[in-house]
Amino acid sequence: MTAVPRQADVSPKADWWPRAACRTVDPDLFFPVSADGLSAMQIAVAKAVCARCEVCHECLAFAVSTGQRHGVWGGTSPNERQRLRKKARVAGLTGAALVS
C-alpha cells in the first residue's frame, strides 16, 4: 500500500486532468444510477477506462481528498473510496488515504 499525498492537486486546472483517459468519454458513464443490474456493467466499463489511464492515481487522490461520494474516480466506486477513507482514519492518516 502507498499513501496518497495529502497535498494532492485538487484544483479544477490540475496538471493531471488533461492526460485523463476519461476526457474523451461520456461523463455519464462514470455516474451510474445504482450499483446493481445494468449499472454494475456500466461501472465495470468505467473502471476499464480508468485501468488504462496514466493519471488514475492522481484522480483517486483528488476523489479522496475532496470527498467525492458519487461516481467512479481513479478506478474506484463510492463504496471502495469509503473503505479507503476508513482505512486511512484507522491508520491515523488524517487527510490522506491508503491506496493499494
N, C-alpha and C. Protein backbone atom coordinates (compact mmCIF):
# COMPACT_ATOMS: atom_id res chain seq x y z
N MET A 1 0.83 -1.18 0.00
CA MET A 1 0.00 0.00 0.00
C MET A 1 0.88 1.25 0.00
N THR A 2 0.40 2.25 -0.69
CA THR A 2 1.10 3.53 -0.69
C THR A 2 0.15 4.61 -0.23
N ALA A 3 0.68 5.64 0.35
CA ALA A 3 -0.16 6.73 0.84
C ALA A 3 -0.42 7.72 -0.27
N VAL A 4 -1.65 8.18 -0.37
CA VAL A 4 -2.00 9.24 -1.31
C VAL A 4 -1.49 10.54 -0.71
N PRO A 5 -0.78 11.35 -1.48
CA PRO A 5 -0.25 12.60 -0.92
C PRO A 5 -1.35 13.47 -0.34
N ARG A 6 -1.10 14.02 0.84
CA ARG A 6 -2.07 14.89 1.49
C ARG A 6 -2.34 16.11 0.64
N GLN A 7 -1.35 16.64 0.00
CA GLN A 7 -1.49 17.86 -0.79
C GLN A 7 -1.71 17.53 -2.28
N ALA A 8 -2.57 16.56 -2.55
CA ALA A 8 -2.88 16.22 -3.94
C ALA A 8 -3.43 17.45 -4.66
N ASP A 9 -3.09 17.62 -5.92
CA ASP A 9 -3.57 18.76 -6.69
C ASP A 9 -5.05 18.55 -6.98
N VAL A 10 -5.88 19.28 -6.30
CA VAL A 10 -7.32 19.11 -6.43
C VAL A 10 -7.99 20.29 -7.13
N SER A 11 -7.21 21.18 -7.70
CA SER A 11 -7.80 22.33 -8.38
C SER A 11 -8.42 21.89 -9.70
N PRO A 12 -9.43 22.63 -10.17
CA PRO A 12 -10.06 22.29 -11.45
C PRO A 12 -9.07 22.31 -12.61
N LYS A 13 -7.98 23.01 -12.45
CA LYS A 13 -6.97 23.07 -13.51
C LYS A 13 -5.77 22.20 -13.17
N ALA A 14 -6.01 21.10 -12.50
CA ALA A 14 -4.94 20.19 -12.12
C ALA A 14 -4.15 19.77 -13.35
N ASP A 15 -2.85 19.67 -13.18
CA ASP A 15 -2.00 19.33 -14.33
C ASP A 15 -2.23 17.92 -14.85
N TRP A 16 -2.82 17.05 -14.04
CA TRP A 16 -3.06 15.68 -14.48
C TRP A 16 -4.33 15.55 -15.31
N TRP A 17 -5.28 16.44 -15.14
CA TRP A 17 -6.58 16.33 -15.79
C TRP A 17 -6.51 16.23 -17.32
N PRO A 18 -5.69 17.03 -18.00
CA PRO A 18 -5.64 16.92 -19.47
C PRO A 18 -5.16 15.55 -19.97
N ARG A 19 -4.49 14.79 -19.11
CA ARG A 19 -3.98 13.47 -19.51
C ARG A 19 -4.92 12.33 -19.13
N ALA A 20 -6.06 12.65 -18.53
CA ALA A 20 -7.00 11.63 -18.08
C ALA A 20 -7.66 10.91 -19.25
N ALA A 21 -7.71 9.60 -19.16
CA ALA A 21 -8.31 8.78 -20.22
C ALA A 21 -9.80 9.06 -20.40
N CYS A 22 -10.45 9.52 -19.37
CA CYS A 22 -11.90 9.75 -19.42
C CYS A 22 -12.27 11.06 -20.13
N ARG A 23 -11.29 11.87 -20.45
CA ARG A 23 -11.57 13.18 -21.06
C ARG A 23 -12.37 13.05 -22.37
N THR A 24 -12.24 11.93 -23.05
CA THR A 24 -12.92 11.76 -24.34
C THR A 24 -14.11 10.80 -24.24
N VAL A 25 -14.51 10.47 -23.03
CA VAL A 25 -15.60 9.53 -22.81
C VAL A 25 -16.80 10.28 -22.22
N ASP A 26 -18.00 9.84 -22.53
CA ASP A 26 -19.22 10.46 -21.99
C ASP A 26 -19.17 10.41 -20.47
N PRO A 27 -19.22 11.56 -19.80
CA PRO A 27 -19.14 11.59 -18.33
C PRO A 27 -20.23 10.78 -17.64
N ASP A 28 -21.37 10.60 -18.27
CA ASP A 28 -22.45 9.82 -17.67
C ASP A 28 -22.02 8.39 -17.37
N LEU A 29 -21.04 7.87 -18.13
CA LEU A 29 -20.54 6.51 -17.90
C LEU A 29 -20.04 6.38 -16.47
N PHE A 30 -19.45 7.43 -15.93
CA PHE A 30 -18.81 7.38 -14.62
C PHE A 30 -19.77 7.67 -13.46
N PHE A 31 -21.03 7.92 -13.78
CA PHE A 31 -22.02 8.23 -12.75
C PHE A 31 -23.28 7.39 -12.95
N PRO A 32 -23.17 6.08 -12.70
CA PRO A 32 -24.34 5.20 -12.85
C PRO A 32 -25.40 5.52 -11.80
N VAL A 33 -26.63 5.12 -12.10
CA VAL A 33 -27.74 5.43 -11.20
C VAL A 33 -27.78 4.52 -9.97
N SER A 34 -27.12 3.38 -10.03
CA SER A 34 -27.07 2.46 -8.89
C SER A 34 -25.81 1.61 -9.03
N ALA A 35 -25.69 0.60 -8.18
CA ALA A 35 -24.54 -0.30 -8.28
C ALA A 35 -24.98 -1.70 -8.72
N ASP A 36 -26.26 -1.84 -9.06
CA ASP A 36 -26.82 -3.14 -9.41
C ASP A 36 -27.25 -3.20 -10.87
N GLY A 37 -27.56 -4.39 -11.32
CA GLY A 37 -28.09 -4.59 -12.66
C GLY A 37 -27.20 -4.04 -13.74
N LEU A 38 -27.80 -3.32 -14.68
CA LEU A 38 -27.04 -2.75 -15.79
C LEU A 38 -26.01 -1.74 -15.32
N SER A 39 -26.27 -1.12 -14.19
CA SER A 39 -25.30 -0.16 -13.65
C SER A 39 -24.00 -0.84 -13.26
N ALA A 40 -24.07 -2.09 -12.83
CA ALA A 40 -22.85 -2.83 -12.49
C ALA A 40 -21.97 -2.99 -13.73
N MET A 41 -22.58 -3.22 -14.88
CA MET A 41 -21.83 -3.32 -16.12
C MET A 41 -21.23 -1.95 -16.48
N GLN A 42 -21.99 -0.91 -16.28
CA GLN A 42 -21.53 0.44 -16.54
C GLN A 42 -20.31 0.76 -15.67
N ILE A 43 -20.36 0.38 -14.41
CA ILE A 43 -19.23 0.60 -13.50
C ILE A 43 -18.00 -0.16 -14.00
N ALA A 44 -18.20 -1.39 -14.44
CA ALA A 44 -17.08 -2.18 -14.96
C ALA A 44 -16.45 -1.52 -16.19
N VAL A 45 -17.27 -0.99 -17.07
CA VAL A 45 -16.75 -0.30 -18.26
C VAL A 45 -16.00 0.96 -17.84
N ALA A 46 -16.54 1.71 -16.90
CA ALA A 46 -15.86 2.92 -16.41
C ALA A 46 -14.51 2.56 -15.79
N LYS A 47 -14.48 1.51 -14.99
CA LYS A 47 -13.24 1.08 -14.36
C LYS A 47 -12.22 0.61 -15.41
N ALA A 48 -12.70 0.06 -16.52
CA ALA A 48 -11.79 -0.35 -17.60
C ALA A 48 -11.11 0.88 -18.21
N VAL A 49 -11.84 1.97 -18.32
CA VAL A 49 -11.24 3.23 -18.81
C VAL A 49 -10.17 3.67 -17.81
N CYS A 50 -10.49 3.61 -16.54
CA CYS A 50 -9.52 4.00 -15.51
C CYS A 50 -8.28 3.11 -15.54
N ALA A 51 -8.48 1.83 -15.82
CA ALA A 51 -7.35 0.88 -15.81
C ALA A 51 -6.30 1.23 -16.85
N ARG A 52 -6.69 1.91 -17.90
CA ARG A 52 -5.71 2.27 -18.94
C ARG A 52 -5.27 3.74 -18.83
N CYS A 53 -5.65 4.39 -17.74
CA CYS A 53 -5.36 5.81 -17.56
C CYS A 53 -4.03 6.02 -16.86
N GLU A 54 -3.22 6.91 -17.42
CA GLU A 54 -1.90 7.19 -16.84
C GLU A 54 -1.97 8.04 -15.58
N VAL A 55 -3.09 8.66 -15.31
CA VAL A 55 -3.22 9.52 -14.13
C VAL A 55 -4.28 9.01 -13.15
N CYS A 56 -4.52 7.72 -13.18
CA CYS A 56 -5.54 7.12 -12.31
C CYS A 56 -5.25 7.41 -10.83
N HIS A 57 -4.00 7.33 -10.43
CA HIS A 57 -3.63 7.57 -9.03
C HIS A 57 -3.95 9.01 -8.63
N GLU A 58 -3.65 9.96 -9.49
CA GLU A 58 -3.94 11.36 -9.19
C GLU A 58 -5.44 11.60 -9.10
N CYS A 59 -6.20 10.95 -9.96
CA CYS A 59 -7.65 11.06 -9.95
C CYS A 59 -8.21 10.51 -8.64
N LEU A 60 -7.70 9.37 -8.21
CA LEU A 60 -8.14 8.79 -6.94
C LEU A 60 -7.78 9.71 -5.79
N ALA A 61 -6.60 10.29 -5.80
CA ALA A 61 -6.19 11.22 -4.75
C ALA A 61 -7.14 12.41 -4.71
N PHE A 62 -7.51 12.91 -5.87
CA PHE A 62 -8.47 14.02 -5.96
C PHE A 62 -9.80 13.61 -5.32
N ALA A 63 -10.30 12.45 -5.72
CA ALA A 63 -11.60 12.00 -5.23
C ALA A 63 -11.61 11.81 -3.72
N VAL A 64 -10.56 11.24 -3.19
CA VAL A 64 -10.48 11.01 -1.75
C VAL A 64 -10.31 12.34 -1.02
N SER A 65 -9.44 13.19 -1.53
CA SER A 65 -9.17 14.49 -0.89
C SER A 65 -10.38 15.39 -0.85
N THR A 66 -11.22 15.30 -1.88
CA THR A 66 -12.37 16.19 -1.96
C THR A 66 -13.67 15.50 -1.52
N GLY A 67 -13.58 14.26 -1.08
CA GLY A 67 -14.75 13.56 -0.56
C GLY A 67 -15.81 13.26 -1.60
N GLN A 68 -15.40 12.93 -2.82
CA GLN A 68 -16.37 12.60 -3.87
C GLN A 68 -17.19 11.39 -3.45
N ARG A 69 -18.48 11.56 -3.33
CA ARG A 69 -19.37 10.50 -2.85
C ARG A 69 -20.11 9.78 -3.97
N HIS A 70 -19.97 10.24 -5.17
CA HIS A 70 -20.67 9.64 -6.30
C HIS A 70 -19.70 9.41 -7.44
N GLY A 71 -19.99 8.40 -8.23
CA GLY A 71 -19.24 8.17 -9.45
C GLY A 71 -18.00 7.32 -9.28
N VAL A 72 -17.46 6.94 -10.42
CA VAL A 72 -16.21 6.18 -10.48
C VAL A 72 -15.08 7.19 -10.65
N TRP A 73 -14.15 7.17 -9.72
CA TRP A 73 -12.98 8.06 -9.74
C TRP A 73 -11.75 7.22 -9.47
N GLY A 74 -10.74 7.37 -10.28
CA GLY A 74 -9.50 6.64 -10.04
C GLY A 74 -9.69 5.14 -9.96
N GLY A 75 -10.64 4.63 -10.71
CA GLY A 75 -10.89 3.20 -10.75
C GLY A 75 -11.61 2.65 -9.52
N THR A 76 -12.23 3.53 -8.74
CA THR A 76 -12.92 3.08 -7.53
C THR A 76 -14.37 3.55 -7.51
N SER A 77 -15.19 2.75 -6.87
CA SER A 77 -16.59 3.11 -6.66
C SER A 77 -16.69 3.93 -5.37
N PRO A 78 -17.84 4.55 -5.13
CA PRO A 78 -18.02 5.27 -3.87
C PRO A 78 -17.78 4.40 -2.64
N ASN A 79 -18.27 3.17 -2.66
CA ASN A 79 -18.06 2.27 -1.52
C ASN A 79 -16.59 1.94 -1.33
N GLU A 80 -15.87 1.74 -2.41
CA GLU A 80 -14.43 1.46 -2.31
C GLU A 80 -13.68 2.65 -1.72
N ARG A 81 -14.05 3.86 -2.14
CA ARG A 81 -13.40 5.05 -1.59
C ARG A 81 -13.74 5.23 -0.11
N GLN A 82 -14.96 4.90 0.25
CA GLN A 82 -15.35 5.00 1.66
C GLN A 82 -14.48 4.05 2.50
N ARG A 83 -14.24 2.84 1.99
CA ARG A 83 -13.38 1.90 2.72
C ARG A 83 -11.95 2.43 2.81
N LEU A 84 -11.46 3.08 1.74
CA LEU A 84 -10.12 3.66 1.77
C LEU A 84 -10.02 4.76 2.83
N ARG A 85 -11.04 5.61 2.89
CA ARG A 85 -11.04 6.67 3.90
C ARG A 85 -11.07 6.09 5.31
N LYS A 86 -11.83 5.01 5.51
CA LYS A 86 -11.88 4.38 6.82
C LYS A 86 -10.53 3.80 7.19
N LYS A 87 -9.87 3.13 6.24
CA LYS A 87 -8.52 2.59 6.48
C LYS A 87 -7.56 3.71 6.86
N ALA A 88 -7.67 4.84 6.18
CA ALA A 88 -6.80 5.97 6.46
C ALA A 88 -7.02 6.47 7.87
N ARG A 89 -8.28 6.59 8.29
CA ARG A 89 -8.59 7.05 9.65
C ARG A 89 -8.02 6.10 10.69
N VAL A 90 -8.24 4.80 10.45
CA VAL A 90 -7.75 3.79 11.40
C VAL A 90 -6.23 3.85 11.50
N ALA A 91 -5.57 4.11 10.37
CA ALA A 91 -4.11 4.18 10.35
C ALA A 91 -3.60 5.53 10.83
N GLY A 92 -4.51 6.45 11.16
CA GLY A 92 -4.10 7.76 11.64
C GLY A 92 -3.59 8.68 10.56
N LEU A 93 -4.02 8.47 9.34
CA LEU A 93 -3.58 9.28 8.20
C LEU A 93 -4.64 10.32 7.87
N THR A 94 -4.91 11.21 8.78
CA THR A 94 -5.90 12.26 8.56
C THR A 94 -5.56 13.03 7.29
N GLY A 95 -6.54 13.21 6.43
CA GLY A 95 -6.34 13.96 5.19
C GLY A 95 -5.71 13.14 4.08
N ALA A 96 -5.46 11.89 4.31
CA ALA A 96 -4.87 11.02 3.28
C ALA A 96 -5.63 9.71 3.27
N ALA A 97 -5.34 8.88 2.31
CA ALA A 97 -5.97 7.57 2.24
C ALA A 97 -4.95 6.54 1.82
N LEU A 98 -5.23 5.31 2.13
CA LEU A 98 -4.36 4.22 1.68
C LEU A 98 -4.85 3.72 0.34
N VAL A 99 -3.93 3.55 -0.56
CA VAL A 99 -4.26 3.05 -1.90
C VAL A 99 -3.43 1.80 -2.13
N SER A 100 -4.11 0.74 -2.43
CA SER A 100 -3.36 -0.49 -2.67
C SER A 100 -3.06 -0.66 -4.13
